[in-house]
Amino acid sequence: MNTVPTNVYAQDASNPNKSNSKIIPPPFLSFASHNVRSFTNTAKQHTLIENYLSLNIDAIGLQKTKFLSQHIRPFNHEHSSNFVGFFSSDSAYNKTGFGVGILLRPFLANHVFQHKHLFNRIIYVDLQFTNKQKLRFINCYLPPSDVPERKTIQKELIKIINDANAKDFQIILTGDFNADIDRPKNPTGAKEFFTVLQNFNLFDACTLKYSNNRINHPTFKSSTATSRIDFV
């Protein structure tokens, strides 16, 4: 989980004259990444939403939601008082582990002026705050073994980041990369992709807290292995 500063008097980007008297954004925002391995079960949605709220998370990137278009409206109808959801639902790209989403607390969702998703693997939202401060929150899922698809997604991510830089956005990137930055063996092209992200001055938020021993804090554990393939 990472935090970035915002102006506590930020106004609704879609309505500069809208009063802020009822909702005052916090001075810092917390971001998280979560591979939910399906988000269609309503009981699971309620459990995870309660968990996110208990952790005071403001924005979450979700991977492998398996959402179709008919899942989006019921989710937002049920949970919009706590989180507003933006989801991909491209039926043409319903491969294994498909679907990505972004959940934003309502005070943040009010600042969204654009959102887009690609390939059922990438989604991003653009937000604008007071003094024209802009933030692009990007979330992605990189498949573990389909090398051509990984290359396509990585190439598109680089375009999206380049575009954000050109438009003077701050950038938050979350996702399940299916690659471990501290592991010598990774999918083809993963090392080069990490290097490109570093060249964009993007950094692994885990380093902020665990700079010397981040390898001891995996995001996945099994009986035989551990790894840290989920990033903010």
Protein backbone atom coordinates (compact mmCIF):
# COMPACT_ATOMS: atom_id res chain seq x y z
CA MET A 1 0.00 0.00 0.00
CA ASN A 2 1.36 3.41 -0.95
CA THR A 3 0.28 6.96 -0.18
CA VAL A 4 0.52 10.10 -2.28
CA PRO A 5 -0.24 13.66 -1.06
CA THR A 6 -3.24 15.60 -2.30
CA ASN A 7 -4.65 19.02 -1.55
CA VAL A 8 -7.20 18.67 1.26
CA TYR A 9 -9.38 21.35 -0.34
CA ALA A 10 -9.64 19.62 -3.73
CA GLN A 11 -12.85 20.35 -5.62
CA ASP A 12 -14.98 18.19 -7.87
CA ALA A 13 -13.28 18.32 -11.27
CA SER A 14 -16.57 17.95 -13.09
CA ASN A 15 -18.11 20.92 -11.23
CA PRO A 16 -15.67 23.57 -9.96
CA ASN A 17 -18.49 25.39 -8.14
CA LYS A 18 -19.62 22.35 -6.18
CA SER A 19 -19.48 22.79 -2.41
CA ASN A 20 -16.93 20.75 -0.47
CA SER A 21 -18.50 21.39 2.91
CA LYS A 22 -19.73 17.84 3.45
CA ILE A 23 -16.77 15.78 2.24
CA ILE A 24 -13.20 16.81 3.02
CA PRO A 25 -10.63 14.54 1.32
CA PRO A 26 -7.80 13.30 3.55
CA PRO A 27 -4.31 14.81 3.10
CA PHE A 28 -2.98 11.45 1.90
CA LEU A 29 -4.40 8.70 -0.28
CA SER A 30 -3.78 4.99 0.18
CA PHE A 31 -3.59 2.65 -2.80
CA ALA A 32 -3.67 -1.14 -2.98
CA SER A 33 -3.47 -3.93 -5.54
CA HIS A 34 -5.45 -7.15 -5.18
CA ASN A 35 -5.78 -10.21 -7.42
CA VAL A 36 -9.28 -11.23 -6.34
CA ARG A 37 -9.51 -14.39 -8.48
CA SER A 38 -13.14 -13.60 -9.37
CA PHE A 39 -15.25 -10.79 -7.96
CA THR A 40 -18.69 -11.90 -9.14
CA ASN A 41 -19.88 -13.49 -5.89
CA THR A 42 -21.87 -10.92 -3.89
CA ALA A 43 -20.90 -12.37 -0.51
CA LYS A 44 -17.23 -12.14 -1.48
CA GLN A 45 -17.75 -8.55 -2.62
CA HIS A 46 -19.20 -7.60 0.78
CA THR A 47 -16.36 -9.33 2.63
CA LEU A 48 -13.64 -7.64 0.60
CA ILE A 49 -15.28 -4.21 0.75
CA GLU A 50 -15.43 -4.50 4.55
CA ASN A 51 -11.76 -5.49 4.56
CA TYR A 52 -10.74 -2.55 2.37
CA LEU A 53 -12.67 -0.15 4.60
CA SER A 54 -11.07 -1.57 7.75
CA LEU A 55 -7.64 -0.92 6.21
CA ASN A 56 -8.59 2.67 5.23
CA ILE A 57 -7.79 2.08 1.57
CA ASP A 58 -8.93 4.82 -0.79
CA ALA A 59 -8.22 3.22 -4.17
CA ILE A 60 -7.79 -0.42 -5.15
CA GLY A 61 -6.68 -2.00 -8.40
CA LEU A 62 -8.41 -5.37 -8.89
CA GLN A 63 -7.22 -8.15 -11.19
CA LYS A 64 -9.00 -11.28 -12.49
CA THR A 65 -12.46 -9.94 -11.64
CA LYS A 66 -14.22 -12.08 -14.28
CA PHE A 67 -16.75 -9.27 -14.55
CA LEU A 68 -19.15 -9.13 -17.47
CA SER A 69 -21.19 -6.05 -18.37
CA GLN A 70 -24.18 -7.29 -16.34
CA HIS A 71 -22.11 -7.34 -13.13
CA ILE A 72 -21.18 -3.64 -13.11
CA ARG A 73 -24.47 -1.88 -12.40
CA PRO A 74 -25.53 -4.19 -9.53
CA PHE A 75 -22.13 -3.77 -7.89
CA ASN A 76 -22.28 0.03 -7.98
CA HIS A 77 -25.90 0.05 -6.88
CA GLU A 78 -24.98 -2.00 -3.81
CA HIS A 79 -21.63 -0.47 -2.87
CA SER A 80 -21.48 3.11 -4.21
CA SER A 81 -21.77 4.62 -0.73
CA ASN A 82 -18.38 3.03 0.06
CA PHE A 83 -16.68 2.50 -3.31
CA VAL A 84 -17.43 3.38 -6.91
CA GLY A 85 -16.28 0.71 -9.34
CA PHE A 86 -14.85 1.05 -12.83
CA PHE A 87 -14.50 -2.30 -14.63
CA SER A 88 -13.46 -3.80 -17.93
CA SER A 89 -16.03 -6.07 -19.56
CA ASP A 90 -14.69 -6.86 -23.04
CA SER A 91 -16.30 -10.18 -23.96
CA ALA A 92 -13.95 -10.50 -26.95
CA TYR A 93 -11.00 -10.83 -24.55
CA ASN A 94 -12.43 -13.30 -22.02
CA LYS A 95 -9.33 -15.42 -21.69
CA THR A 96 -8.19 -17.17 -18.54
CA GLY A 97 -7.95 -14.76 -15.60
CA PHE A 98 -9.75 -11.96 -17.44
CA GLY A 99 -11.09 -8.71 -16.05
CA VAL A 100 -9.58 -5.71 -14.27
CA GLY A 101 -11.20 -3.01 -12.19
CA ILE A 102 -10.59 0.06 -10.06
CA LEU A 103 -12.46 0.89 -6.87
CA LEU A 104 -12.45 4.50 -5.63
CA ARG A 105 -13.87 6.00 -2.49
CA PRO A 106 -16.75 8.36 -3.46
CA PHE A 107 -14.81 11.55 -2.68
CA LEU A 108 -12.22 10.40 -5.23
CA ALA A 109 -14.69 9.16 -7.83
CA ASN A 110 -16.10 12.70 -7.98
CA HIS A 111 -12.80 13.82 -9.50
CA VAL A 112 -12.75 11.30 -12.36
CA PHE A 113 -13.12 12.95 -15.76
CA GLN A 114 -12.07 10.03 -17.96
CA HIS A 115 -11.64 6.28 -17.74
CA LYS A 116 -10.67 3.63 -20.26
CA HIS A 117 -9.97 -0.11 -20.44
CA LEU A 118 -8.13 -2.26 -22.97
CA PHE A 119 -7.94 -6.01 -23.69
CA ASN A 120 -9.65 -6.86 -20.37
CA ARG A 121 -6.11 -6.50 -18.96
CA ILE A 122 -5.63 -2.72 -18.53
CA ILE A 123 -7.83 -0.07 -16.97
CA TYR A 124 -7.10 3.50 -15.94
CA VAL A 125 -8.90 6.52 -14.54
CA ASP A 126 -7.89 10.17 -14.85
CA LEU A 127 -8.62 12.50 -11.95
CA GLN A 128 -8.26 16.25 -11.61
CA PHE A 129 -7.98 18.18 -8.35
CA THR A 130 -7.66 21.81 -7.40
CA ASN A 131 -4.92 23.90 -9.05
CA LYS A 132 -5.16 21.53 -12.04
CA GLN A 133 -3.34 18.73 -10.24
CA LYS A 134 -3.94 15.57 -12.25
CA LEU A 135 -3.54 11.90 -11.40
CA ARG A 136 -3.68 8.86 -13.65
CA PHE A 137 -4.33 5.63 -11.78
CA ILE A 138 -3.46 2.62 -13.95
CA ASN A 139 -4.19 -1.00 -13.10
CA CYS A 140 -3.19 -4.07 -15.10
CA TYR A 141 -2.90 -7.83 -15.22
CA LEU A 142 0.00 -9.38 -17.16
CA PRO A 143 -0.57 -13.05 -18.06
CA PRO A 144 2.14 -15.43 -16.83
CA SER A 145 2.88 -17.47 -19.95
CA ASP A 146 1.38 -15.90 -23.08
CA VAL A 147 4.49 -14.04 -24.28
CA PRO A 148 2.91 -12.29 -27.31
CA GLU A 149 0.04 -11.03 -25.13
CA ARG A 150 2.44 -9.87 -22.41
CA LYS A 151 4.38 -7.89 -25.01
CA THR A 152 1.19 -6.30 -26.35
CA ILE A 153 0.03 -5.27 -22.88
CA GLN A 154 3.46 -3.96 -21.85
CA LYS A 155 3.67 -1.92 -25.06
CA GLU A 156 0.23 -0.41 -24.42
CA LEU A 157 1.11 0.36 -20.80
CA ILE A 158 4.20 2.25 -21.95
CA LYS A 159 2.02 4.30 -24.33
CA ILE A 160 -0.42 5.13 -21.53
CA ILE A 161 2.40 6.17 -19.19
CA ASN A 162 4.06 8.25 -21.92
CA ASP A 163 0.77 9.99 -22.59
CA ALA A 164 0.30 10.73 -18.87
CA ASN A 165 3.79 12.20 -18.62
CA ALA A 166 3.21 14.38 -21.66
CA LYS A 167 0.02 15.73 -20.06
CA ASP A 168 1.70 16.38 -16.70
CA PHE A 169 -0.13 13.70 -14.70
CA GLN A 170 1.11 12.12 -11.51
CA ILE A 171 1.04 8.34 -12.00
CA ILE A 172 0.08 5.41 -9.81
CA LEU A 173 0.50 1.98 -11.39
CA THR A 174 -0.85 -1.15 -9.71
CA GLY A 175 -1.17 -4.70 -10.93
CA ASP A 176 -0.35 -8.35 -10.94
CA PHE A 177 2.72 -8.48 -13.17
CA ASN A 178 3.28 -12.24 -12.79
CA ALA A 179 6.96 -11.40 -12.41
CA ASP A 180 9.07 -10.90 -9.29
CA ILE A 181 11.52 -8.02 -9.44
CA ASP A 182 13.82 -9.82 -6.97
CA ARG A 183 13.70 -13.22 -8.72
CA PRO A 184 16.32 -14.09 -11.34
CA LYS A 185 13.94 -16.24 -13.42
CA ASN A 186 10.92 -14.40 -14.85
CA PRO A 187 8.75 -14.44 -17.99
CA THR A 188 10.42 -13.26 -21.18
CA GLY A 189 10.76 -9.48 -21.28
CA ALA A 190 9.87 -8.93 -17.62
CA LYS A 191 13.30 -7.60 -16.63
CA GLU A 192 13.28 -5.12 -19.50
CA PHE A 193 9.78 -3.99 -18.55
CA PHE A 194 10.84 -3.31 -14.96
CA THR A 195 13.74 -1.26 -16.32
CA VAL A 196 11.39 0.82 -18.49
CA LEU A 197 9.19 1.55 -15.46
CA GLN A 198 12.25 2.66 -13.49
CA ASN A 199 13.24 4.94 -16.38
CA PHE A 200 9.82 6.59 -15.99
CA ASN A 201 10.79 7.28 -12.35
CA LEU A 202 8.17 4.79 -11.16
CA PHE A 203 9.28 2.81 -8.13
CA ASP A 204 8.20 -0.20 -6.14
CA ALA A 205 6.25 1.13 -3.14
CA CYS A 206 7.27 -1.88 -1.06
CA THR A 207 10.76 -0.39 -1.01
CA LEU A 208 9.50 2.54 1.07
CA LYS A 209 8.94 0.28 4.06
CA TYR A 210 11.08 -2.77 3.33
CA SER A 211 14.06 -1.37 1.46
CA ASN A 212 16.53 -3.90 2.83
CA ASN A 213 14.39 -7.03 3.13
CA ARG A 214 11.45 -6.74 0.74
CA ILE A 215 12.14 -10.31 -0.41
CA ASN A 216 10.83 -11.40 2.98
CA HIS A 217 7.42 -9.87 2.30
CA PRO A 218 5.82 -11.86 -0.52
CA THR A 219 2.31 -11.21 -1.82
CA PHE A 220 1.75 -14.90 -2.57
CA LYS A 221 2.51 -17.99 -0.51
CA SER A 222 1.98 -21.68 -1.12
CA SER A 223 3.28 -24.83 0.52
CA THR A 224 6.21 -24.89 -1.88
CA ALA A 225 6.98 -21.31 -2.91
CA THR A 226 6.59 -17.61 -2.25
CA SER A 227 6.66 -14.66 -4.63
CA ARG A 228 5.94 -10.95 -4.85
CA ILE A 229 4.28 -10.41 -8.19
CA ASP A 230 1.73 -7.78 -7.12
CA PHE A 231 2.85 -4.17 -7.22
CA VAL A 232 1.97 -0.58 -6.37
